[in-house]
Every structure is written in C-alpha cells, then in structure tokens.
PDB file of N, CA and C in Angstrom:
ATOM      1  N   MET A   1    -110.064-160.409 -93.852  1.00  0.00           N
ATOM      2  CA  MET A   1    -109.061-159.460 -93.423  1.00  0.00           C
ATOM      3  C   MET A   1    -108.335-158.948 -94.674  1.00  0.00           C
ATOM      4  N   PRO A   2    -108.575-157.694 -95.074  1.00  0.00           N
ATOM      5  CA  PRO A   2    -107.951-157.170 -96.294  1.00  0.00           C
ATOM      6  C   PRO A   2    -106.431-157.027 -96.164  1.00  0.00           C
ATOM      7  N   THR A   3    -105.740-157.330 -97.250  1.00  0.00           N
ATOM      8  CA  THR A   3    -104.305-157.084 -97.342  1.00  0.00           C
ATOM      9  C   THR A   3    -104.136-155.726 -97.998  1.00  0.00           C
ATOM     10  N   VAL A   4    -103.267-154.893 -97.416  1.00  0.00           N
ATOM     11  CA  VAL A   4    -103.076-153.544 -97.924  1.00  0.00           C
ATOM     12  C   VAL A   4    -101.593-153.241 -98.094  1.00  0.00           C
ATOM     13  N   LEU A   5    -101.314-152.295 -98.976  1.00  0.00           N
ATOM     14  CA  LEU A   5     -99.977-151.759 -99.160  1.00  0.00           C
ATOM     15  C   LEU A   5    -100.047-150.308 -98.725  1.00  0.00           C
ATOM     16  N   VAL A   6     -99.433-150.007 -97.582  1.00  0.00           N
ATOM     17  CA  VAL A   6     -99.513-148.681 -96.982  1.00  0.00           C
ATOM     18  C   VAL A   6     -98.275-147.884 -97.382  1.00  0.00           C
ATOM     19  N   HIS A   7     -98.493-146.739 -97.983  1.00  0.00           N
ATOM     20  CA  HIS A   7     -97.402-145.871 -98.407  1.00  0.00           C
ATOM     21  C   HIS A   7     -97.188-144.799 -97.347  1.00  0.00           C
ATOM     22  N   LEU A   8     -96.117-144.959 -96.580  1.00  0.00           N
ATOM     23  CA  LEU A   8     -95.785-144.005 -95.527  1.00  0.00           C
ATOM     24  C   LEU A   8     -94.951-142.872 -96.118  1.00  0.00           C
ATOM     25  N   ALA A   9     -95.081-141.694 -95.541  1.00  0.00           N
ATOM     26  CA  ALA A   9     -94.299-140.547 -96.003  1.00  0.00           C
ATOM     27  C   ALA A   9     -92.808-140.804 -95.777  1.00  0.00           C
ATOM     28  N   ASN A  10     -92.008-140.644 -96.827  1.00  0.00           N
ATOM     29  CA  ASN A  10     -90.547-140.780 -96.782  1.00  0.00           C
ATOM     30  C   ASN A  10     -90.059-142.166 -96.362  1.00  0.00           C
ATOM     31  N   GLU A  11     -90.844-143.195 -96.588  1.00  0.00           N
ATOM     32  CA  GLU A  11     -90.473-144.581 -96.267  1.00  0.00           C
ATOM     33  C   GLU A  11     -90.886-145.489 -97.414  1.00  0.00           C
ATOM     34  N   ASP A  12     -90.342-146.703 -97.433  1.00  0.00           N
ATOM     35  CA  ASP A  12     -90.794-147.705 -98.394  1.00  0.00           C
ATOM     36  C   ASP A  12     -92.191-148.173 -97.998  1.00  0.00           C
ATOM     37  N   PRO A  13     -92.996-148.621 -98.967  1.00  0.00           N
ATOM     38  CA  PRO A  13     -94.340-149.108 -98.636  1.00  0.00           C
ATOM     39  C   PRO A  13     -94.293-150.331 -97.714  1.00  0.00           C
ATOM     40  N   VAL A  14     -95.335-150.480 -96.912  1.00  0.00           N
ATOM     41  CA  VAL A  14     -95.453-151.590 -95.962  1.00  0.00           C
ATOM     42  C   VAL A  14     -96.656-152.429 -96.352  1.00  0.00           C
ATOM     43  N   LEU A  15     -96.431-153.733 -96.507  1.00  0.00           N
ATOM     44  CA  LEU A  15     -97.492-154.684 -96.815  1.00  0.00           C
ATOM     45  C   LEU A  15     -97.956-155.318 -95.518  1.00  0.00           C
ATOM     46  N   GLY A  16     -99.268-155.494 -95.357  1.00  0.00           N
ATOM     47  CA  GLY A  16     -99.786-156.111 -94.148  1.00  0.00           C
ATOM     48  C   GLY A  16    -101.285-156.302 -94.234  1.00  0.00           C
ATOM     49  N   GLU A  17    -101.854-156.815 -93.174  1.00  0.00           N
ATOM     50  CA  GLU A  17    -103.294-157.063 -93.103  1.00  0.00           C
ATOM     51  C   GLU A  17    -103.906-156.117 -92.080  1.00  0.00           C
ATOM     52  N   ILE A  18    -105.155-155.722 -92.330  1.00  0.00           N
ATOM     53  CA  ILE A  18    -105.900-154.895 -91.387  1.00  0.00           C
ATOM     54  C   ILE A  18    -107.262-155.537 -91.165  1.00  0.00           C
ATOM     55  N   ASP A  19    -107.848-155.281 -89.999  1.00  0.00           N
ATOM     56  CA  ASP A  19    -109.171-155.841 -89.697  1.00  0.00           C
ATOM     57  C   ASP A  19    -110.252-155.183 -90.541  1.00  0.00           C
ATOM     58  N   GLN A  20    -110.167-153.863 -90.679  1.00  0.00           N
ATOM     59  CA  GLN A  20    -111.127-153.133 -91.509  1.00  0.00           C
ATOM     60  C   GLN A  20    -110.464-151.863 -92.009  1.00  0.00           C
ATOM     61  N   LEU A  21    -110.971-151.339 -93.097  1.00  0.00           N
ATOM     62  CA  LEU A  21    -110.431-150.114 -93.652  1.00  0.00           C
ATOM     63  C   LEU A  21    -110.690-148.954 -92.703  1.00  0.00           C
ATOM     64  N   PRO A  22    -109.768-147.996 -92.636  1.00  0.00           N
ATOM     65  CA  PRO A  22    -109.961-146.879 -91.699  1.00  0.00           C
ATOM     66  C   PRO A  22    -111.134-145.984 -92.100  1.00  0.00           C
ATOM     67  N   ASN A  23    -111.813-145.457 -91.102  1.00  0.00           N
ATOM     68  CA  ASN A  23    -112.892-144.498 -91.317  1.00  0.00           C
ATOM     69  C   ASN A  23    -112.310-143.098 -91.443  1.00  0.00           C
ATOM     70  N   VAL A  24    -113.115-142.169 -91.875  1.00  0.00           N
ATOM     71  CA  VAL A  24    -112.679-140.781 -92.032  1.00  0.00           C
ATOM     72  C   VAL A  24    -112.252-140.185 -90.696  1.00  0.00           C
ATOM     73  N   THR A  25    -112.867-140.614 -89.607  1.00  0.00           N
ATOM     74  CA  THR A  25    -112.577-140.050 -88.293  1.00  0.00           C
ATOM     75  C   THR A  25    -111.415-140.729 -87.577  1.00  0.00           C
ATOM     76  N   ASP A  26    -110.865-141.816 -88.115  1.00  0.00           N
ATOM     77  CA  ASP A  26    -109.760-142.529 -87.467  1.00  0.00           C
ATOM     78  C   ASP A  26    -108.489-141.691 -87.492  1.00  0.00           C
ATOM     79  N   THR A  27    -107.699-141.819 -86.436  1.00  0.00           N
ATOM     80  CA  THR A  27    -106.418-141.116 -86.360  1.00  0.00           C
ATOM     81  C   THR A  27    -105.233-142.074 -86.401  1.00  0.00           C
ATOM     82  N   ILE A  28    -105.498-143.373 -86.255  1.00  0.00           N
ATOM     83  CA  ILE A  28    -104.439-144.385 -86.306  1.00  0.00           C
ATOM     84  C   ILE A  28    -104.891-145.552 -87.174  1.00  0.00           C
ATOM     85  N   ILE A  29    -103.915-146.355 -87.604  1.00  0.00           N
ATOM     86  CA  ILE A  29    -104.205-147.590 -88.329  1.00  0.00           C
ATOM     87  C   ILE A  29    -103.318-148.688 -87.745  1.00  0.00           C
ATOM     88  N   THR A  30    -103.892-149.855 -87.513  1.00  0.00           N
ATOM     89  CA  THR A  30    -103.154-151.003 -86.984  1.00  0.00           C
ATOM     90  C   THR A  30    -102.927-151.989 -88.119  1.00  0.00           C
ATOM     91  N   ILE A  31    -101.664-152.315 -88.361  1.00  0.00           N
ATOM     92  CA  ILE A  31    -101.298-153.238 -89.431  1.00  0.00           C
ATOM     93  C   ILE A  31    -100.704-154.493 -88.808  1.00  0.00           C
ATOM     94  N   LYS A  32    -101.252-155.639 -89.193  1.00  0.00           N
ATOM     95  CA  LYS A  32    -100.769-156.926 -88.702  1.00  0.00           C
ATOM     96  C   LYS A  32     -99.792-157.516 -89.706  1.00  0.00           C
ATOM     97  N   ASN A  33     -98.794-158.216 -89.217  1.00  0.00           N
ATOM     98  CA  ASN A  33     -97.753-158.849 -90.031  1.00  0.00           C
ATOM     99  C   ASN A  33     -97.102-157.855 -90.999  1.00  0.00           C
ATOM    100  N   PRO A  34     -96.593-156.727 -90.484  1.00  0.00           N
ATOM    101  CA  PRO A  34     -95.980-155.740 -91.374  1.00  0.00           C
ATOM    102  C   PRO A  34     -94.701-156.289 -91.997  1.00  0.00           C
ATOM    103  N   ARG A  35     -94.547-156.031 -93.300  1.00  0.00           N
ATOM    104  CA  ARG A  35     -93.371-156.506 -94.026  1.00  0.00           C
ATOM    105  C   ARG A  35     -93.186-155.640 -95.259  1.00  0.00           C
ATOM    106  N   ARG A  36     -92.020-155.778 -95.880  1.00  0.00           N
ATOM    107  CA  ARG A  36     -91.794-155.062 -97.127  1.00  0.00           C
ATOM    108  C   ARG A  36     -92.586-155.727 -98.229  1.00  0.00           C
ATOM    109  N   ARG A  37     -92.672-155.065 -99.355  1.00  0.00           N
ATOM    110  CA  ARG A  37     -93.443-155.593-100.488  1.00  0.00           C
ATOM    111  C   ARG A  37     -92.925-156.958-100.941  1.00  0.00           C
ATOM    112  N   ASP A  38     -91.618-157.192-100.800  1.00  0.00           N
ATOM    113  CA  ASP A  38     -91.034-158.470-101.216  1.00  0.00           C
ATOM    114  C   ASP A  38     -91.107-159.537-100.123  1.00  0.00           C
ATOM    115  N   GLY A  39     -91.751-159.219 -98.992  1.00  0.00           N
ATOM    116  CA  GLY A  39     -91.941-160.192 -97.923  1.00  0.00           C
ATOM    117  C   GLY A  39     -90.867-160.163 -96.845  1.00  0.00           C
ATOM    118  N   LYS A  40     -89.819-159.380 -97.026  1.00  0.00           N
ATOM    119  CA  LYS A  40     -88.741-159.307 -96.040  1.00  0.00           C
ATOM    120  C   LYS A  40     -89.157-158.435 -94.858  1.00  0.00           C
ATOM    121  N   ASP A  41     -88.440-158.620 -93.733  1.00  0.00           N
ATOM    122  CA  ASP A  41     -88.723-157.849 -92.524  1.00  0.00           C
ATOM    123  C   ASP A  41     -88.382-156.376 -92.735  1.00  0.00           C
ATOM    124  N   LEU A  42     -89.079-155.525 -91.993  1.00  0.00           N
ATOM    125  CA  LEU A  42     -88.766-154.099 -92.000  1.00  0.00           C
ATOM    126  C   LEU A  42     -87.566-153.864 -91.093  1.00  0.00           C
ATOM    127  N   HIS A  43     -86.564-153.172 -91.576  1.00  0.00           N
ATOM    128  CA  HIS A  43     -85.308-153.025 -90.838  1.00  0.00           C
ATOM    129  C   HIS A  43     -85.458-152.228 -89.546  1.00  0.00           C
ATOM    130  N   TYR A  44     -86.485-151.403 -89.420  1.00  0.00           N
ATOM    131  CA  TYR A  44     -86.645-150.579 -88.233  1.00  0.00           C
ATOM    132  C   TYR A  44     -87.553-151.205 -87.181  1.00  0.00           C
ATOM    133  N   LEU A  45     -88.040-152.440 -87.421  1.00  0.00           N
ATOM    134  CA  LEU A  45     -88.860-153.144 -86.434  1.00  0.00           C
ATOM    135  C   LEU A  45     -88.104-154.343 -85.882  1.00  0.00           C
ATOM    136  N   LEU A  46     -88.382-154.699 -84.646  1.00  0.00           N
ATOM    137  CA  LEU A  46     -87.816-155.911 -84.068  1.00  0.00           C
ATOM    138  C   LEU A  46     -88.364-157.129 -84.795  1.00  0.00           C
ATOM    139  N   ALA A  47     -87.623-158.215 -84.779  1.00  0.00           N
ATOM    140  CA  ALA A  47     -87.995-159.415 -85.533  1.00  0.00           C
ATOM    141  C   ALA A  47     -89.297-160.049 -85.058  1.00  0.00           C
ATOM    142  N   ASN A  48     -89.636-159.911 -83.777  1.00  0.00           N
ATOM    143  CA  ASN A  48     -90.824-160.581 -83.242  1.00  0.00           C
ATOM    144  C   ASN A  48     -92.072-159.688 -83.223  1.00  0.00           C
ATOM    145  N   VAL A  49     -92.054-158.529 -83.863  1.00  0.00           N
ATOM    146  CA  VAL A  49     -93.209-157.621 -83.903  1.00  0.00           C
ATOM    147  C   VAL A  49     -94.251-158.171 -84.873  1.00  0.00           C
ATOM    148  N   THR A  50     -95.510-158.266 -84.419  1.00  0.00           N
ATOM    149  CA  THR A  50     -96.581-158.784 -85.271  1.00  0.00           C
ATOM    150  C   THR A  50     -97.642-157.734 -85.605  1.00  0.00           C
ATOM    151  N   GLU A  51     -97.677-156.624 -84.856  1.00  0.00           N
ATOM    152  CA  GLU A  51     -98.625-155.547 -85.134  1.00  0.00           C
ATOM    153  C   GLU A  51     -97.938-154.214 -84.920  1.00  0.00           C
ATOM    154  N   VAL A  52     -98.299-153.254 -85.777  1.00  0.00           N
ATOM    155  CA  VAL A  52     -97.757-151.904 -85.663  1.00  0.00           C
ATOM    156  C   VAL A  52     -98.916-150.920 -85.778  1.00  0.00           C
ATOM    157  N   ILE A  53     -98.857-149.871 -84.981  1.00  0.00           N
ATOM    158  CA  ILE A  53     -99.862-148.811 -85.040  1.00  0.00           C
ATOM    159  C   ILE A  53     -99.187-147.549 -85.560  1.00  0.00           C
ATOM    160  N   TRP A  54     -99.692-147.029 -86.689  1.00  0.00           N
ATOM    161  CA  TRP A  54     -99.162-145.797 -87.267  1.00  0.00           C
ATOM    162  C   TRP A  54    -100.236-144.730 -87.244  1.00  0.00           C
ATOM    163  N   PRO A  55     -99.832-143.467 -87.051  1.00  0.00           N
ATOM    164  CA  PRO A  55    -100.816-142.385 -87.171  1.00  0.00           C
ATOM    165  C   PRO A  55    -101.183-142.177 -88.638  1.00  0.00           C
ATOM    166  N   ILE A  56    -102.427-141.902 -88.901  1.00  0.00           N
ATOM    167  CA  ILE A  56    -102.904-141.675 -90.261  1.00  0.00           C
ATOM    168  C   ILE A  56    -102.152-140.504 -90.907  1.00  0.00           C
ATOM    169  N   SER A  57    -101.708-139.553 -90.114  1.00  0.00           N
ATOM    170  CA  SER A  57    -101.009-138.379 -90.657  1.00  0.00           C
ATOM    171  C   SER A  57     -99.697-138.737 -91.348  1.00  0.00           C
ATOM    172  N   ARG A  58     -99.119-139.905 -91.058  1.00  0.00           N
ATOM    173  CA  ARG A  58     -97.876-140.351 -91.701  1.00  0.00           C
ATOM    174  C   ARG A  58     -98.128-141.093 -93.006  1.00  0.00           C
ATOM    175  N   ILE A  59     -99.385-141.363 -93.334  1.00  0.00           N
ATOM    176  CA  ILE A  59     -99.712-142.187 -94.495  1.00  0.00           C
ATOM    177  C   ILE A  59    -100.103-141.307 -95.676  1.00  0.00           C
ATOM    178  N   ALA A  60     -99.435-141.545 -96.818  1.00  0.00           N
ATOM    179  CA  ALA A  60     -99.765-140.816 -98.044  1.00  0.00           C
ATOM    180  C   ALA A  60    -101.021-141.407 -98.677  1.00  0.00           C
ATOM    181  N   PHE A  61    -101.038-142.742 -98.854  1.00  0.00           N
ATOM    182  CA  PHE A  61    -102.218-143.426 -99.366  1.00  0.00           C
ATOM    183  C   PHE A  61    -102.109-144.908 -99.094  1.00  0.00           C
ATOM    184  N   ILE A  62    -103.243-145.613 -99.264  1.00  0.00           N
ATOM    185  CA  ILE A  62    -103.331-147.049 -98.990  1.00  0.00           C
ATOM    186  C   ILE A  62    -103.850-147.750-100.233  1.00  0.00           C
ATOM    187  N   GLU A  63    -103.148-148.810-100.662  1.00  0.00           N
ATOM    188  CA  GLU A  63    -103.617-149.648-101.765  1.00  0.00           C
ATOM    189  C   GLU A  63    -104.222-150.914-101.181  1.00  0.00           C
ATOM    190  N   ILE A  64    -105.348-151.345-101.711  1.00  0.00           N
ATOM    191  CA  ILE A  64    -105.977-152.590-101.281  1.00  0.00           C
ATOM    192  C   ILE A  64    -105.560-153.667-102.269  1.00  0.00           C
ATOM    193  N   VAL A  65    -104.862-154.684-101.769  1.00  0.00           N
ATOM    194  CA  VAL A  65    -104.343-155.759-102.613  1.00  0.00           C
ATOM    195  C   VAL A  65    -105.425-156.813-102.781  1.00  0.00           C
ATOM    196  N   PRO A  66    -105.794-157.138-104.033  1.00  0.00           N
ATOM    197  CA  PRO A  66    -106.851-158.141-104.229  1.00  0.00           C
ATOM    198  C   PRO A  66    -106.397-159.517-103.761  1.00  0.00           C
ATOM    199  N   GLY A  67    -107.332-160.256-103.180  1.00  0.00           N
ATOM    200  CA  GLY A  67    -107.060-161.617-102.731  1.00  0.00           C
ATOM    201  C   GLY A  67    -107.414-162.625-103.801  1.00  0.00           C
ATOM    202  N   ASP A  68    -107.273-163.902-103.504  1.00  0.00           N
ATOM    203  CA  ASP A  68    -107.565-164.977-104.459  1.00  0.00           C
ATOM    204  C   ASP A  68    -109.031-164.998-104.869  1.00  0.00           C
ATOM    205  N   GLN A  69    -109.946-164.809-103.901  1.00  0.00           N
ATOM    206  CA  GLN A  69    -111.373-164.845-104.212  1.00  0.00           C
ATOM    207  C   GLN A  69    -111.758-163.718-105.156  1.00  0.00           C
ATOM    208  N   GLU A  70    -111.224-162.525-104.920  1.00  0.00           N
ATOM    209  CA  GLU A  70    -111.566-161.386-105.760  1.00  0.00           C
ATOM    210  C   GLU A  70    -111.043-161.577-107.174  1.00  0.00           C
ATOM    211  N   GLU A  71    -109.866-162.188-107.322  1.00  0.00           N
ATOM    212  CA  GLU A  71    -109.320-162.429-108.649  1.00  0.00           C
ATOM    213  C   GLU A  71    -110.197-163.393-109.436  1.00  0.00           C
ATOM    214  N   GLU A  72    -110.760-164.385-108.754  1.00  0.00           N
ATOM    215  CA  GLU A  72    -111.634-165.338-109.434  1.00  0.00           C
ATOM    216  C   GLU A  72    -112.920-164.666-109.896  1.00  0.00           C
ATOM    217  N   ILE A  73    -113.449-163.761-109.118  1.00  0.00           N
ATOM    218  CA  ILE A  73    -114.704-163.100-109.451  1.00  0.00           C
ATOM    219  C   ILE A  73    -114.519-162.086-110.580  1.00  0.00           C
ATOM    220  N   ILE A  74    -113.420-161.339-110.569  1.00  0.00           N
ATOM    221  CA  ILE A  74    -113.225-160.241-111.517  1.00  0.00           C
ATOM    222  C   ILE A  74    -112.346-160.674-112.698  1.00  0.00           C
ATOM    223  N   GLY A  75    -112.124-161.924-112.887  1.00  0.00           N
ATOM    224  CA  GLY A  75    -111.270-162.382-113.982  1.00  0.00           C
ATOM    225  C   GLY A  75    -111.932-162.253-115.341  1.00  0.00           C
ATOM    226  N   PHE A  76    -111.129-162.020-116.386  1.00  0.00           N
ATOM    227  CA  PHE A  76    -111.618-161.932-117.742  1.00  0.00           C
ATOM    228  C   PHE A  76    -111.111-163.127-118.513  1.00  0.00           C
ATOM    229  N   VAL A  77    -111.948-163.657-119.404  1.00  0.00           N
ATOM    230  CA  VAL A  77    -111.577-164.841-120.175  1.00  0.00           C
ATOM    231  C   VAL A  77    -111.640-164.485-121.655  1.00  0.00           C
ATOM    232  N   ARG A  78    -110.544-164.779-122.357  1.00  0.00           N
ATOM    233  CA  ARG A  78    -110.533-164.591-123.807  1.00  0.00           C
ATOM    234  C   ARG A  78    -110.452-165.948-124.463  1.00  0.00           C
ATOM    235  N   GLU A  79    -111.238-166.125-125.466  1.00  0.00           N
ATOM    236  CA  GLU A  79    -111.211-167.398-126.184  1.00  0.00           C
ATOM    237  C   GLU A  79    -110.866-167.188-127.625  1.00  0.00           C
TER     238      GLU A  79
END
C-alpha cells in the first residue's frame, strides 16, 4: 500500500495511504489514514475519519513517499 503526499489546491498537503495509484481515467482518489505531513489530524475532518474520497480535479499533484524496503534497495554506500 503506497504512502503518498497529496497536494490539494489551496490546502496543506495530506499524507496517507492508497491501495493503488490513480489511473488516467479515474475521477476520484481514496486516501486512508489522512493526516498532515507532521502526523497531526486534519482540522476539517472529524477525529474518527479513516478514509476520505477527493475528486482528482482538486489535486495539483501527488508525491509517492518511499517506504523502508525501497530505501534499502536504492541506497548508496560511500566508503
């Protein structure tokens, strides 16, 4: 489950997990465990919300946050 940083138009970025990256034909995106970049709750969501659906038209761009496994594979070593 990829972790992404979703940049919404005129809002702070939202960090969360998605099942799969959106396709070109998708009109919505579902984000699980939405939170601010620092891990705090989003002020405009209720405290017990675990999934949010946003229209793709509100999203400027999406960053894919590397996980632990990817960091191990793409790491560089200097000696």
